[in-house]
Amino acid sequence: MLLSSRLPREPTRLRLAVWRRLKRIGAVLLHDAVWVLPADAKTREAFEWLAEEIEEQGGTALTWKAQGLSADQDRRVVQQFRSEADERYESLAASAKAIRRAAVGRRRKLQSGQLTQAIRQLRGLERALRLERRRDYFGAPGRIAAEAAVRDAIQDLESRLSLKEGARDALGH
């Protein structure tokens, strides 16, 4: 599916809102204002709704169901989807590692509240991973590493928290 749009220059928030929406659904920018998604009922509906909203805001939008003319073109588009998804997965993995490092990397004594807060942040990354899986249309290879980074960080911090709370309970606090 292709979406081509033109929005009024002002207010710029409209352009930003459309761009964010396109990124949220996993669309890839092909050229100028031409975006692509794999063709299925869900993506078609997403583009149709967005086109309607663009026109309601005074812009113009066209949607097409397209077919590449060569297998090489199709491979390049799929690779672009995977590459962009891998970048997002890499960012999520790096965030998980940074949260874990910040929670346990201090030389001072770990506090239960710090661990709990870090675990809460990691649970937020789990939700972000679920969103990313929905818009990872072609199974980017970075998904496995990102899921492992988040899962391992959560398991590590939860085990540290359990040990800390178990030690506290043993001391009668």
Protein backbone atom coordinates (compact mmCIF):
# COMPACT_ATOMS: atom_id res chain seq x y z
CA MET A 1 0.00 0.00 0.00
CA LEU A 2 1.22 3.48 -0.85
CA LEU A 3 0.17 6.80 0.64
CA SER A 4 1.12 10.12 -0.89
CA SER A 5 0.11 13.30 0.88
CA ARG A 6 0.44 17.03 0.90
CA LEU A 7 -0.36 19.11 3.97
CA PRO A 8 -0.60 22.86 4.44
CA ARG A 9 2.69 24.37 5.65
CA GLU A 10 0.99 25.95 8.67
CA PRO A 11 0.38 24.87 11.33
CA THR A 12 3.44 22.61 11.33
CA ARG A 13 1.94 20.45 14.08
CA LEU A 14 -0.25 18.80 11.44
CA ARG A 15 2.79 17.62 9.49
CA LEU A 16 4.40 16.37 12.68
CA ALA A 17 1.23 14.54 13.75
CA VAL A 18 0.98 12.78 10.37
CA TRP A 19 4.67 11.86 10.44
CA ARG A 20 4.34 10.43 13.97
CA ARG A 21 1.28 8.44 12.98
CA LEU A 22 3.07 7.00 9.95
CA LYS A 23 6.04 6.00 12.09
CA ARG A 24 3.75 4.49 14.74
CA ILE A 25 2.12 2.18 12.20
CA GLY A 26 5.52 1.24 10.77
CA ALA A 27 5.28 2.94 7.39
CA VAL A 28 8.51 3.46 5.48
CA LEU A 29 9.24 6.62 3.51
CA LEU A 30 10.01 5.70 -0.09
CA HIS A 31 10.40 9.12 -1.65
CA ASP A 32 9.43 12.63 -0.60
CA ALA A 33 5.88 12.19 0.76
CA VAL A 34 5.30 8.64 -0.50
CA TRP A 35 4.98 6.09 2.26
CA VAL A 36 4.66 2.32 1.95
CA LEU A 37 3.20 -0.50 4.04
CA PRO A 38 2.71 -4.16 3.17
CA ALA A 39 -0.71 -4.68 1.59
CA ASP A 40 -3.26 -6.27 3.91
CA ALA A 41 -6.65 -5.26 5.30
CA LYS A 42 -5.18 -3.70 8.45
CA THR A 43 -2.59 -1.53 6.70
CA ARG A 44 -5.05 -0.52 4.01
CA GLU A 45 -7.49 0.64 6.67
CA ALA A 46 -4.72 2.54 8.50
CA PHE A 47 -3.78 4.43 5.32
CA GLU A 48 -7.41 5.11 4.43
CA TRP A 49 -8.11 6.59 7.89
CA LEU A 50 -4.96 8.68 7.74
CA ALA A 51 -5.81 9.93 4.23
CA GLU A 52 -9.24 10.96 5.49
CA GLU A 53 -7.72 12.85 8.43
CA ILE A 54 -5.22 14.58 6.13
CA GLU A 55 -8.04 15.78 3.87
CA GLU A 56 -10.08 16.95 6.88
CA GLN A 57 -7.09 19.12 7.84
CA GLY A 58 -7.01 20.78 4.43
CA GLY A 59 -4.42 18.53 2.80
CA THR A 60 -4.60 16.04 -0.03
CA ALA A 61 -3.89 12.33 0.14
CA LEU A 62 -3.88 9.47 -2.32
CA THR A 63 -3.67 5.78 -1.52
CA TRP A 64 -2.72 2.98 -3.89
CA LYS A 65 -2.31 -0.71 -3.84
CA ALA A 66 1.00 -1.14 -5.66
CA GLN A 67 3.13 -3.95 -6.95
CA GLY A 68 6.86 -3.74 -7.54
CA LEU A 69 8.00 -4.40 -11.05
CA SER A 70 11.07 -6.39 -10.05
CA ALA A 71 12.02 -8.81 -7.31
CA ASP A 72 15.10 -6.68 -6.61
CA GLN A 73 12.91 -3.63 -5.91
CA ASP A 74 10.75 -5.67 -3.56
CA ARG A 75 13.85 -6.96 -1.73
CA ARG A 76 15.16 -3.42 -1.28
CA VAL A 77 11.86 -2.24 0.20
CA VAL A 78 11.70 -5.25 2.55
CA GLN A 79 15.31 -4.57 3.58
CA GLN A 80 14.39 -0.97 4.33
CA PHE A 81 11.56 -2.15 6.60
CA ARG A 82 13.92 -4.56 8.38
CA SER A 83 16.67 -1.97 8.71
CA GLU A 84 14.36 0.60 10.29
CA ALA A 85 12.90 -2.03 12.64
CA ASP A 86 16.43 -3.15 13.60
CA GLU A 87 17.32 0.44 14.53
CA ARG A 88 14.28 0.60 16.81
CA TYR A 89 15.10 -2.82 18.33
CA GLU A 90 18.70 -1.75 18.89
CA SER A 91 17.50 1.36 20.70
CA LEU A 92 15.21 -0.71 22.94
CA ALA A 93 18.04 -3.14 23.77
CA ALA A 94 20.39 -0.26 24.57
CA SER A 95 17.74 1.30 26.84
CA ALA A 96 17.28 -1.98 28.71
CA LYS A 97 21.02 -2.31 29.26
CA ALA A 98 21.30 1.32 30.39
CA ILE A 99 18.42 0.97 32.87
CA ARG A 100 19.97 -2.19 34.31
CA ARG A 101 23.42 -0.59 34.48
CA ALA A 102 22.03 2.51 36.20
CA ALA A 103 20.19 0.38 38.76
CA VAL A 104 23.07 -1.94 39.69
CA GLY A 105 26.14 -0.08 38.53
CA ARG A 106 26.37 2.17 41.54
CA ARG A 107 28.92 1.32 44.17
CA ARG A 108 26.55 2.25 46.96
CA LYS A 109 24.05 -0.12 48.42
CA LEU A 110 21.08 -0.97 46.19
CA GLN A 111 17.75 0.32 47.40
CA SER A 112 14.54 -1.65 46.85
CA GLY A 113 12.84 1.48 45.53
CA GLN A 114 15.54 1.96 42.88
CA LEU A 115 15.19 -1.64 41.76
CA THR A 116 11.41 -1.40 41.68
CA GLN A 117 11.58 1.80 39.62
CA ALA A 118 14.04 0.24 37.18
CA ILE A 119 11.82 -2.84 36.81
CA ARG A 120 8.86 -0.56 36.10
CA GLN A 121 10.87 1.18 33.37
CA LEU A 122 11.82 -2.19 31.89
CA ARG A 123 8.16 -3.23 31.86
CA GLY A 124 7.55 -0.11 29.80
CA LEU A 125 10.19 -1.35 27.37
CA GLU A 126 8.33 -4.67 27.19
CA ARG A 127 5.25 -2.74 26.06
CA ALA A 128 7.36 -0.87 23.50
CA LEU A 129 8.63 -4.23 22.21
CA ARG A 130 5.06 -5.46 21.77
CA LEU A 131 4.30 -2.35 19.70
CA GLU A 132 7.45 -2.88 17.68
CA ARG A 133 6.54 -6.51 16.95
CA ARG A 134 3.19 -5.33 15.53
CA ARG A 135 4.90 -2.99 13.08
CA ASP A 136 7.80 -5.32 12.26
CA TYR A 137 6.15 -6.66 9.13
CA PHE A 138 9.16 -8.62 7.84
CA GLY A 139 10.75 -10.10 10.97
CA ALA A 140 13.84 -7.98 11.52
CA PRO A 141 16.69 -10.01 13.03
CA GLY A 142 17.31 -7.48 15.83
CA ARG A 143 14.09 -8.51 17.55
CA ILE A 144 15.63 -11.54 19.26
CA ALA A 145 18.49 -9.56 20.81
CA ALA A 146 16.16 -6.78 21.98
CA GLU A 147 13.74 -9.23 23.59
CA ALA A 148 16.65 -11.01 25.30
CA ALA A 149 18.13 -7.73 26.59
CA VAL A 150 14.82 -6.64 28.14
CA ARG A 151 14.00 -10.10 29.52
CA ASP A 152 17.50 -10.59 31.00
CA ALA A 153 17.50 -7.15 32.61
CA ILE A 154 14.09 -7.76 34.20
CA GLN A 155 15.10 -11.20 35.47
CA ASP A 156 18.35 -9.86 36.90
CA LEU A 157 16.71 -6.95 38.72
CA GLU A 158 13.79 -9.05 39.96
CA SER A 159 16.19 -11.63 41.39
CA ARG A 160 18.23 -8.89 43.08
CA LEU A 161 15.03 -7.41 44.48
CA SER A 162 13.88 -10.82 45.77
CA LEU A 163 17.25 -11.40 47.44
CA LYS A 164 17.16 -7.94 48.98
CA GLU A 165 13.62 -8.38 50.27
CA GLY A 166 14.41 -11.90 51.49
CA ALA A 167 17.42 -10.59 53.43
CA ARG A 168 15.32 -7.79 54.88
CA ASP A 169 12.62 -10.25 55.98
CA ALA A 170 15.25 -12.54 57.54
CA LEU A 171 16.50 -9.62 59.59
CA GLY A 172 12.96 -8.99 60.81
CA HIS A 173 12.39 -5.61 59.18
